[in-house]
Amino acid sequence: MNLSEANSQLQFWINLMIGDLKKGLEKKYPAGDTRRFFHPKMHGCIEAELSVENDLPDHLAKGIFSTPKTYKAWVRFSNSSPKIKDDYHKDFRGMAIKVLDVQGKFLTEDHENEQDFVLVNKSTFQAKSVEMIARAIRAINGNIIDKLSFAFKYLPDLLKSLGKSQRCASLFEISFFSQTPYSFGGTPVKYKMQARAQTVSALPEKPSYNYLREKLKQDLKAKDYFFDFYIQFQEDPQTMPLENPSVEWTSPFHKVASLKIPMQQFDFEERNVFGEHQDYSPWHCIEEHRPLGEINFAREKVYQQLSRFRLERNSVNKIVETA
């Protein structure tokens, strides 16, 4: 297959994804209350601060990490499942971070000064190709034939992915990963946000439907919480590929920043509406942190189209920051 054919095929799967995702949202949600397709259940939209480490060596002082500085940020915690369900169920949990007042050359004009980091509490991505993602979405939305066809073709990958989902007792006690690779001033890296908490909470015997939101509220009444931000360099293109994020990278992590989540109240109507209207994308970033690989390329088109579709369907013209 030549380059032109490969690009054409990639665009086919991207267009298929966008069409299926829009149809799925129209079928699932009424206009005015359209959620995200993935990560629709938000536990909280929370104020935070990202502080870059002092005296980083040159190979770590890239992009927004080039100068010691503390940035205001928003953090959105969520469940990844397309189905909004009880927090007791096994799932992957999302941590989307929007860093504000960032300077640099941005890749998207409509989100200048915002650097997003989109993370999940699993180090590898569920899919190994854009085609697999598109077929998975078709299976989620489709009939029994679509579901069986996908399961038959990708059964080993499916079992491997689902086997790593888990219950969660506290969002402040787990680590989150970028899964896909990014440029770090020209060198491929992955990101990790590691919880600093030393405790391991136990789930209550009968956790409530919105247990994780309630736990966040309870925790943030008592004290501040911290995460440490790490990068992981690609050391071997063969064993740490860019184009298959289902493969674990094995190189060491290097700390470049800290994330502080201060004590606060966040569960009120204006903040919850603000959190639902926020849009996050790996492509809300400066040039030094450009997303890499075909899956990230697809995410640019899909995230942009789906965010616009969701906000227009909800009649949202402007996202207003809330205290």
Foldseek 3Di string as FASTA:
>chain_A
DDPVVVVVVLVVLLVLQQVLLLVVQVVPDAQQDGFHQFFRAWLFWFKKKKFWDPPDPPVLLFFQLVDTDIFIKIWIKGFGHSDQWFLQDFTKMKIKMWTAQGDAAALDPVQPRIAIQIWILDQADLFFASNLVSLVSCLVRHDPVSVVVSCVVCVVSVCVVVVPTGHAAEPLQTKIWSLAWWAQQNFIKIKMKHRPDPDGDDHPPDAGRSNHSVVVLVVLQPWKTKIWMWIFTDDDCVQCPNRGSRHHDDGDIDTTIMMIGHRDDTPDDLNVVLSRLDAGANRRRHPNTGTDYSVNVSRVVNSVSSSVSNCVSSVHDDRDDDD
